[in-house]
Amino acid sequence: MKKLVTIFVLCLLVIGCKTEEKTPLDGYRITGEAPGIYNGMRIYLQIADQKNRKINKDTAIVMNEKFMFEGKTDKPEIWFLNITGVNGSMPFIIENDLYKIIVDKDKIDNTSIMGPKANESLKAYFNDLKELANRRIKLMGQLRTTADDSVRETVNNEMVNLNIEQSKILFRHIEQNKDNSASLVFIDNELSGKEADIDKLNTILKTLDNTIQKSSLGKEIENKIQQLKKLKAAEGATEIGSMAPQFSAPTPDGTQLSLKESLGKVTVIDFWAAWCGPCRRENPNVVKVYNKYHSKGLEIIGVSLDGSSRQKDPKDAWIKAIEQDQLTWNQVSNLSYFNDPVARAYNIKSIPATFILDETGKIVAKNLRGAALEAKIAELLN
């Protein structure tokens, strides 16, 4: 979902969509009207690469306030309409079909795109994202303008609920579009995210209409899912859905503590270190989450990667950081920096890093911070 959300944040668009008469085509044909745009101005069809840089796919020239594109696309995907001298760009789902576009040169958000049903679905998705964004802006405004702790707590809780809602929005729109290519575009974009839930996406793919599943993009996504499954399996035992590797390590007083002894209804394994600035800045949030949900069954076991050659006394630094940051949950460390056997078992390349386990010790999420961490804990325990 991150790529689609990024597109939304950049554009905050409302796409006007209306189904045109269906005509079988070997490619796409876009006829456009551009009121008020001078002859010779260029209009571009663009795609976004992995870094959201726009790349031109085709160019048309405005003549007598009209333009046309004709071409062929291999699969449905999100393209952008960009016009020289007009701020912003208009996203739409391109398919081999008929389109009619009426440009609003003063506010490209108001450009009308009439074509396949998938664009109505894209509009609905962006509208829901816009509504969530407006709510988030309002909540952030409340946080900036109040010093009342009770109000801030209420707003923070609302922010957590909003994050939970946002985590579900994409799947809701896939469920609502089983009969058109928007569902495939949503799934394909979600698969590009590092934390994509492959099993969930595979399951929902199989619920789509048979013609959608058997389309070229549907088959491509199915193959991509199978390849990602193989890749995930090869990456080791710390993927979401796997049982967390068991370990035992020394506590500050030198006794051995195992993961098995530390499990609660939900358990967070928190990799951090006294020398790690981002870890220390995140610790107040972890303390807040622990204090809020410990009585409901949340446990945390901190695994410190102190032991850097730059530390004069790694153990002393570790213990002082625990006291200073008020980390009242279980703590272990071999004081071996990134060579810590627990860190190696979990393939830790950078910190902070977190793994969230259910009561059986299965990993259900990882590398969540801030409001996203609380949202997941709330989802699992409420």
Protein backbone atom coordinates (compact mmCIF):
# COMPACT_ATOMS: atom_id res chain seq x y z
CA MET A 1 0.00 0.00 0.00
CA LYS A 2 2.92 2.38 0.60
CA LYS A 3 3.45 3.11 -3.09
CA LEU A 4 -0.24 3.87 -3.64
CA VAL A 5 -0.33 6.04 -0.51
CA THR A 6 2.73 7.94 -1.78
CA ILE A 7 0.96 8.55 -5.08
CA PHE A 8 -2.05 9.79 -3.14
CA VAL A 9 -0.01 12.11 -0.91
CA LEU A 10 1.66 13.62 -3.95
CA CYS A 11 -1.59 14.18 -5.81
CA LEU A 12 -4.56 14.19 -3.37
CA LEU A 13 -6.73 13.74 -6.39
CA VAL A 14 -10.41 13.38 -7.06
CA ILE A 15 -10.81 11.55 -10.35
CA GLY A 16 -14.05 11.97 -12.25
CA CYS A 17 -14.89 8.67 -13.87
CA LYS A 18 -17.71 7.51 -16.04
CA THR A 19 -17.91 4.37 -18.11
CA GLU A 20 -17.79 4.91 -21.84
CA GLU A 21 -19.35 2.61 -24.40
CA LYS A 22 -17.26 -0.56 -24.54
CA THR A 23 -15.51 -1.28 -27.83
CA PRO A 24 -13.07 -4.19 -28.20
CA LEU A 25 -9.63 -2.73 -28.83
CA ASP A 26 -6.19 -4.12 -29.47
CA GLY A 27 -4.83 -1.07 -27.63
CA TYR A 28 -5.97 2.09 -25.88
CA ARG A 29 -7.37 5.24 -27.46
CA ILE A 30 -7.54 8.44 -25.43
CA THR A 31 -9.39 11.41 -26.88
CA GLY A 32 -8.98 14.59 -24.90
CA GLU A 33 -10.30 18.09 -24.60
CA ALA A 34 -8.05 20.81 -23.17
CA PRO A 35 -10.08 24.04 -22.78
CA GLY A 36 -7.87 27.11 -22.50
CA ILE A 37 -4.61 25.29 -23.30
CA TYR A 38 -2.68 26.82 -26.20
CA ASN A 39 -1.79 25.07 -29.43
CA GLY A 40 1.55 23.32 -29.28
CA MET A 41 1.52 22.58 -25.56
CA ARG A 42 2.65 19.04 -24.78
CA ILE A 43 0.71 16.48 -22.80
CA TYR A 44 2.53 13.45 -21.43
CA LEU A 45 1.55 9.97 -20.32
CA GLN A 46 3.97 8.94 -17.58
CA ILE A 47 4.73 6.09 -15.20
CA ALA A 48 6.39 6.28 -11.77
CA ASP A 49 9.50 4.21 -11.07
CA GLN A 50 10.37 2.68 -7.71
CA LYS A 51 11.58 6.07 -6.45
CA ASN A 52 8.40 7.77 -7.72
CA ARG A 53 10.28 9.57 -10.48
CA LYS A 54 8.10 10.21 -13.53
CA ILE A 55 9.13 8.60 -16.83
CA ASN A 56 7.48 9.59 -20.11
CA LYS A 57 5.63 6.83 -21.98
CA ASP A 58 3.98 8.90 -24.72
CA THR A 59 3.53 12.51 -25.81
CA ALA A 60 0.69 14.37 -27.56
CA ILE A 61 0.44 17.98 -28.76
CA VAL A 62 -2.61 20.14 -28.14
CA MET A 63 -4.23 21.46 -31.32
CA ASN A 64 -7.49 23.44 -31.22
CA GLU A 65 -7.85 22.47 -27.55
CA LYS A 66 -7.85 18.76 -28.39
CA PHE A 67 -5.36 15.91 -28.16
CA MET A 68 -5.21 12.17 -28.71
CA PHE A 69 -3.15 9.19 -27.61
CA GLU A 70 -3.17 5.76 -29.18
CA GLY A 71 -1.06 2.85 -28.08
CA LYS A 72 -1.01 -0.50 -26.40
CA THR A 73 -0.25 -1.51 -22.85
CA ASP A 74 0.87 -4.93 -21.68
CA LYS A 75 -1.16 -4.78 -18.49
CA PRO A 76 -3.37 -2.50 -16.40
CA GLU A 77 -1.32 -0.16 -14.24
CA ILE A 78 -1.32 3.37 -12.88
CA TRP A 79 -0.18 6.03 -15.33
CA PHE A 80 -0.16 9.81 -14.98
CA LEU A 81 -1.39 12.60 -17.23
CA ASN A 82 0.99 15.58 -17.10
CA ILE A 83 0.57 18.85 -19.00
CA THR A 84 3.25 21.44 -19.70
CA GLY A 85 2.48 24.58 -17.69
CA VAL A 86 -0.13 22.89 -15.48
CA ASN A 87 0.73 22.07 -11.87
CA GLY A 88 0.38 18.51 -10.70
CA SER A 89 -0.51 15.31 -12.53
CA MET A 90 -3.57 13.08 -12.81
CA PRO A 91 -3.26 9.35 -12.03
CA PHE A 92 -5.49 6.85 -13.78
CA ILE A 93 -5.52 3.13 -14.54
CA ILE A 94 -4.55 2.49 -18.15
CA GLU A 95 -6.03 -0.46 -20.02
CA ASN A 96 -6.50 -1.31 -23.67
CA ASP A 97 -9.81 0.51 -23.88
CA LEU A 98 -11.48 3.79 -24.82
CA TYR A 99 -10.98 6.92 -22.72
CA LYS A 100 -12.24 10.46 -22.85
CA ILE A 101 -10.41 13.09 -20.82
CA ILE A 102 -11.50 16.67 -20.19
CA VAL A 103 -8.64 18.66 -18.69
CA ASP A 104 -9.08 21.36 -16.06
CA LYS A 105 -6.00 23.53 -16.56
CA ASP A 106 -6.63 25.55 -13.38
CA LYS A 107 -6.91 22.53 -11.09
CA ILE A 108 -5.82 19.24 -12.55
CA ASP A 109 -7.54 17.48 -9.64
CA ASN A 110 -10.82 18.36 -11.35
CA THR A 111 -9.85 16.74 -14.65
CA SER A 112 -12.52 14.28 -15.78
CA ILE A 113 -11.48 10.80 -16.92
CA MET A 114 -14.15 8.64 -18.52
CA GLY A 115 -13.20 5.07 -19.25
CA PRO A 116 -13.05 1.58 -17.72
CA LYS A 117 -14.70 0.84 -14.37
CA ALA A 118 -11.29 0.46 -12.72
CA ASN A 119 -10.94 4.24 -12.63
CA GLU A 120 -14.12 4.61 -10.61
CA SER A 121 -12.53 2.21 -8.13
CA LEU A 122 -9.30 4.20 -8.06
CA LYS A 123 -11.29 7.37 -7.42
CA ALA A 124 -13.13 5.74 -4.50
CA TYR A 125 -9.84 4.53 -3.01
CA PHE A 126 -8.20 7.95 -3.25
CA ASN A 127 -11.31 9.61 -1.81
CA ASP A 128 -11.12 7.34 1.24
CA LEU A 129 -7.40 8.10 1.61
CA LYS A 130 -8.16 11.81 1.35
CA GLU A 131 -10.77 11.54 4.10
CA LEU A 132 -8.26 9.75 6.34
CA ALA A 133 -5.60 12.36 5.54
CA ASN A 134 -7.97 15.17 6.49
CA ARG A 135 -8.73 13.46 9.78
CA ARG A 136 -5.02 13.00 10.44
CA ILE A 137 -4.34 16.69 9.73
CA LYS A 138 -7.10 17.66 12.13
CA LEU A 139 -5.70 15.41 14.86
CA MET A 140 -2.17 16.72 14.35
CA GLY A 141 -3.56 20.26 14.67
CA GLN A 142 -5.15 19.33 17.99
CA LEU A 143 -1.83 17.95 19.26
CA ARG A 144 -0.05 21.16 18.29
CA THR A 145 -2.56 23.44 19.99
CA THR A 146 -3.21 21.73 23.31
CA ALA A 147 -1.11 21.13 26.40
CA ASP A 148 -3.89 19.21 28.16
CA ASP A 149 -2.56 15.69 28.84
CA SER A 150 -6.03 14.13 28.80
CA VAL A 151 -6.80 15.71 25.43
CA ARG A 152 -3.46 14.59 24.03
CA GLU A 153 -4.09 11.04 25.24
CA THR A 154 -7.50 11.03 23.57
CA VAL A 155 -6.04 12.36 20.33
CA ASN A 156 -3.22 9.78 20.42
CA ASN A 157 -5.80 7.00 20.85
CA GLU A 158 -7.73 8.38 17.88
CA MET A 159 -4.50 8.41 15.88
CA VAL A 160 -3.90 4.75 16.74
CA ASN A 161 -7.44 3.88 15.60
CA LEU A 162 -6.89 5.84 12.40
CA ASN A 163 -3.71 3.85 11.69
CA ILE A 164 -5.62 0.62 12.25
CA GLU A 165 -8.29 1.82 9.84
CA GLN A 166 -5.69 2.76 7.23
CA SER A 167 -4.11 -0.70 7.46
CA LYS A 168 -7.43 -2.22 6.37
CA ILE A 169 -8.49 0.23 3.68
CA LEU A 170 -6.64 -1.30 0.73
CA PHE A 171 -7.98 -4.79 1.39
CA ARG A 172 -11.50 -3.40 1.67
CA HIS A 173 -11.20 -1.84 -1.77
CA ILE A 174 -9.84 -5.08 -3.23
CA GLU A 175 -12.86 -6.90 -1.77
CA GLN A 176 -15.15 -4.34 -3.38
CA ASN A 177 -13.58 -4.71 -6.85
CA LYS A 178 -13.46 -8.42 -7.53
CA ASP A 179 -14.86 -7.86 -11.02
CA ASN A 180 -12.41 -5.32 -12.42
CA SER A 181 -8.70 -4.73 -12.90
CA ALA A 182 -8.41 -2.18 -10.08
CA SER A 183 -8.17 -5.11 -7.65
CA LEU A 184 -5.15 -6.45 -9.54
CA VAL A 185 -3.50 -3.02 -9.65
CA PHE A 186 -4.00 -2.69 -5.87
CA ILE A 187 -2.54 -6.17 -5.23
CA ASP A 188 0.38 -5.59 -7.60
CA ASN A 189 1.30 -2.32 -5.90
CA GLU A 190 0.99 -3.89 -2.45
CA LEU A 191 3.35 -6.70 -3.46
CA SER A 192 6.09 -4.12 -4.07
CA GLY A 193 6.13 -3.22 -0.36
CA LYS A 194 8.71 -4.75 1.94
CA GLU A 195 6.10 -5.81 4.49
CA ALA A 196 3.51 -7.18 2.07
CA ASP A 197 1.37 -9.95 3.57
CA ILE A 198 1.97 -12.49 0.80
CA ASP A 199 -0.40 -15.13 2.16
CA LYS A 200 -3.24 -12.65 2.63
CA LEU A 201 -2.75 -11.22 -0.86
CA ASN A 202 -2.64 -14.74 -2.32
CA THR A 203 -5.87 -15.61 -0.55
CA ILE A 204 -7.69 -12.49 -1.71
CA LEU A 205 -6.39 -12.97 -5.28
CA LYS A 206 -8.18 -16.31 -5.37
CA THR A 207 -11.49 -14.64 -4.47
CA LEU A 208 -11.49 -12.41 -7.57
CA ASP A 209 -13.70 -13.16 -10.54
CA ASN A 210 -12.26 -15.94 -12.69
CA THR A 211 -11.81 -13.69 -15.74
CA ILE A 212 -9.78 -11.24 -13.62
CA GLN A 213 -7.62 -14.01 -12.14
CA LYS A 214 -6.96 -15.52 -15.58
CA SER A 215 -6.04 -12.19 -17.20
CA SER A 216 -2.40 -11.60 -18.14
CA LEU A 217 -1.87 -9.39 -15.08
CA GLY A 218 -3.67 -11.90 -12.85
CA LYS A 219 -1.33 -14.67 -14.01
CA GLU A 220 1.67 -12.37 -13.63
CA ILE A 221 0.67 -11.57 -10.04
CA GLU A 222 0.13 -15.24 -9.25
CA ASN A 223 3.64 -16.02 -10.52
CA LYS A 224 5.05 -13.07 -8.58
CA ILE A 225 3.41 -14.32 -5.38
CA GLN A 226 4.89 -17.80 -5.86
CA GLN A 227 8.36 -16.33 -6.44
CA LEU A 228 8.04 -14.10 -3.38
CA LYS A 229 6.98 -17.09 -1.30
CA LYS A 230 10.12 -18.94 -2.35
CA LEU A 231 12.25 -15.89 -1.62
CA LYS A 232 10.68 -15.40 1.79
CA ALA A 233 11.25 -19.05 2.67
CA ALA A 234 14.90 -18.75 1.65
CA GLU A 235 15.44 -15.67 3.81
CA GLY A 236 15.27 -17.71 6.97
CA ALA A 237 13.07 -18.32 9.93
CA THR A 238 12.25 -14.75 10.94
CA GLU A 239 9.57 -13.92 8.41
CA ILE A 240 6.01 -13.09 9.42
CA GLY A 241 4.16 -16.35 10.02
CA SER A 242 7.28 -18.25 11.16
CA MET A 243 7.94 -19.44 14.67
CA ALA A 244 10.45 -17.12 16.31
CA PRO A 245 13.88 -18.74 16.83
CA GLN A 246 14.32 -19.71 20.46
CA PHE A 247 17.21 -18.21 22.41
CA SER A 248 18.66 -17.75 25.87
CA ALA A 249 20.96 -14.91 26.93
CA PRO A 250 22.35 -13.22 30.06
CA THR A 251 20.33 -10.62 31.97
CA PRO A 252 22.10 -7.64 33.61
CA ASP A 253 22.61 -9.71 36.78
CA GLY A 254 24.22 -12.53 34.81
CA THR A 255 21.43 -15.12 34.96
CA GLN A 256 20.19 -16.78 31.77
CA LEU A 257 16.74 -15.86 30.49
CA SER A 258 15.04 -17.63 27.60
CA LEU A 259 12.49 -16.35 25.11
CA LYS A 260 10.19 -19.19 26.12
CA GLU A 261 10.15 -17.90 29.72
CA SER A 262 9.29 -14.39 28.51
CA LEU A 263 6.28 -15.08 26.31
CA GLY A 264 2.96 -13.36 27.03
CA LYS A 265 -0.27 -13.16 25.03
CA VAL A 266 1.73 -10.83 22.81
CA THR A 267 5.51 -10.49 23.04
CA VAL A 268 7.79 -7.86 21.51
CA ILE A 269 11.45 -8.73 20.96
CA ASP A 270 13.11 -5.33 20.89
CA PHE A 271 16.66 -5.11 19.50
CA TRP A 272 18.33 -1.90 20.68
CA ALA A 273 21.53 -0.52 22.28
CA ALA A 274 22.60 2.26 24.61
CA TRP A 275 24.69 3.81 21.79
CA CYS A 276 21.80 3.77 19.29
CA GLY A 277 20.23 7.25 19.04
CA PRO A 278 17.07 6.18 17.12
CA CYS A 279 16.55 3.36 19.65
CA ARG A 280 16.75 5.74 22.60
CA ARG A 281 14.36 8.18 20.92
CA GLU A 282 11.88 5.34 20.33
CA ASN A 283 12.13 4.03 23.90
CA PRO A 284 9.57 6.48 25.39
CA ASN A 285 7.00 5.19 22.90
CA VAL A 286 7.81 1.57 23.81
CA VAL A 287 7.50 2.45 27.51
CA LYS A 288 4.08 4.02 26.86
CA VAL A 289 2.87 0.97 24.94
CA TYR A 290 4.17 -1.42 27.59
CA ASN A 291 2.55 0.48 30.45
CA LYS A 292 -0.74 0.64 28.56
CA TYR A 293 -0.97 -3.00 27.48
CA HIS A 294 1.12 -5.02 29.96
CA SER A 295 -1.94 -5.70 32.13
CA LYS A 296 -3.67 -7.12 29.04
CA GLY A 297 -0.88 -9.60 28.34
CA LEU A 298 1.91 -7.68 26.61
CA GLU A 299 5.47 -8.75 27.40
CA ILE A 300 8.70 -7.30 26.03
CA ILE A 301 12.18 -8.75 25.99
CA GLY A 302 14.90 -6.29 25.11
CA VAL A 303 18.00 -7.60 23.35
CA SER A 304 20.86 -5.11 23.60
CA LEU A 305 23.59 -4.96 20.97
CA ASP A 306 25.95 -3.08 23.24
CA GLY A 307 29.54 -4.23 23.02
CA SER A 308 30.83 -1.86 20.36
CA SER A 309 34.60 -1.39 20.36
CA ARG A 310 33.94 2.32 20.90
CA GLN A 311 32.35 1.67 24.30
CA LYS A 312 34.69 1.76 27.30
CA ASP A 313 32.32 -0.23 29.50
CA PRO A 314 29.48 -1.74 27.42
CA LYS A 315 27.73 -3.39 30.36
CA ASP A 316 27.72 -0.21 32.41
CA ALA A 317 26.38 1.78 29.45
CA TRP A 318 23.66 -0.87 28.93
CA ILE A 319 22.54 -0.87 32.57
CA LYS A 320 22.54 2.94 32.79
CA ALA A 321 20.44 3.21 29.61
CA ILE A 322 17.90 0.75 31.05
CA GLU A 323 17.60 2.90 34.16
CA GLN A 324 17.57 6.25 32.36
CA ASP A 325 14.90 5.17 29.84
CA GLN A 326 12.85 3.36 32.52
CA LEU A 327 12.78 0.05 30.68
CA THR A 328 11.06 -2.13 33.25
CA TRP A 329 10.71 -5.28 31.13
CA ASN A 330 13.11 -8.19 30.67
CA GLN A 331 16.54 -7.36 29.21
CA VAL A 332 19.27 -9.64 27.87
CA SER A 333 22.58 -9.16 26.07
CA ASN A 334 25.78 -11.00 25.21
CA LEU A 335 27.44 -7.59 24.83
CA SER A 336 28.80 -8.66 21.45
CA TYR A 337 27.52 -5.84 19.22
CA PHE A 338 26.12 -7.21 15.92
CA ASN A 339 27.93 -10.50 16.53
CA ASP A 340 25.47 -11.22 19.32
CA PRO A 341 24.18 -14.78 18.62
CA VAL A 342 20.59 -13.66 19.16
CA ALA A 343 21.02 -10.83 16.66
CA ARG A 344 22.56 -13.24 14.16
CA ALA A 345 19.72 -15.72 14.62
CA TYR A 346 17.28 -12.94 13.75
CA ASN A 347 19.37 -11.60 10.84
CA ILE A 348 19.64 -8.15 12.43
CA LYS A 349 21.44 -5.70 10.14
CA SER A 350 20.35 -2.45 11.81
CA ILE A 351 18.55 -1.27 14.93
CA PRO A 352 16.04 -0.52 16.26
CA ALA A 353 14.37 -3.72 15.12
CA THR A 354 11.29 -5.35 16.58
CA PHE A 355 9.50 -8.67 16.23
CA ILE A 356 5.95 -9.09 17.51
CA LEU A 357 4.94 -12.61 18.54
CA ASP A 358 1.61 -14.16 19.38
CA GLU A 359 1.16 -16.35 22.46
CA THR A 360 2.55 -19.41 20.64
CA GLY A 361 5.75 -17.59 19.69
CA LYS A 362 4.79 -17.06 16.03
CA ILE A 363 5.96 -13.83 14.42
CA VAL A 364 2.91 -11.78 13.42
CA ALA A 365 4.62 -8.46 12.60
CA LYS A 366 8.04 -6.87 12.69
CA ASN A 367 9.93 -3.59 12.54
CA LEU A 368 7.02 -1.44 13.70
CA ARG A 369 7.66 1.84 15.50
CA GLY A 370 5.71 4.80 16.81
CA ALA A 371 1.95 4.73 16.33
CA ALA A 372 2.23 1.69 14.03
CA LEU A 373 3.60 -0.38 16.92
CA GLU A 374 0.77 0.58 19.23
CA ALA A 375 -1.80 0.03 16.49
CA LYS A 376 -0.63 -3.57 16.03
CA ILE A 377 -0.54 -4.27 19.77
CA ALA A 378 -4.03 -2.80 20.10
CA GLU A 379 -5.26 -4.96 17.22
CA LEU A 380 -3.89 -8.12 18.86
CA LEU A 381 -4.99 -7.46 22.43
CA ASN A 382 -8.23 -5.42 22.20
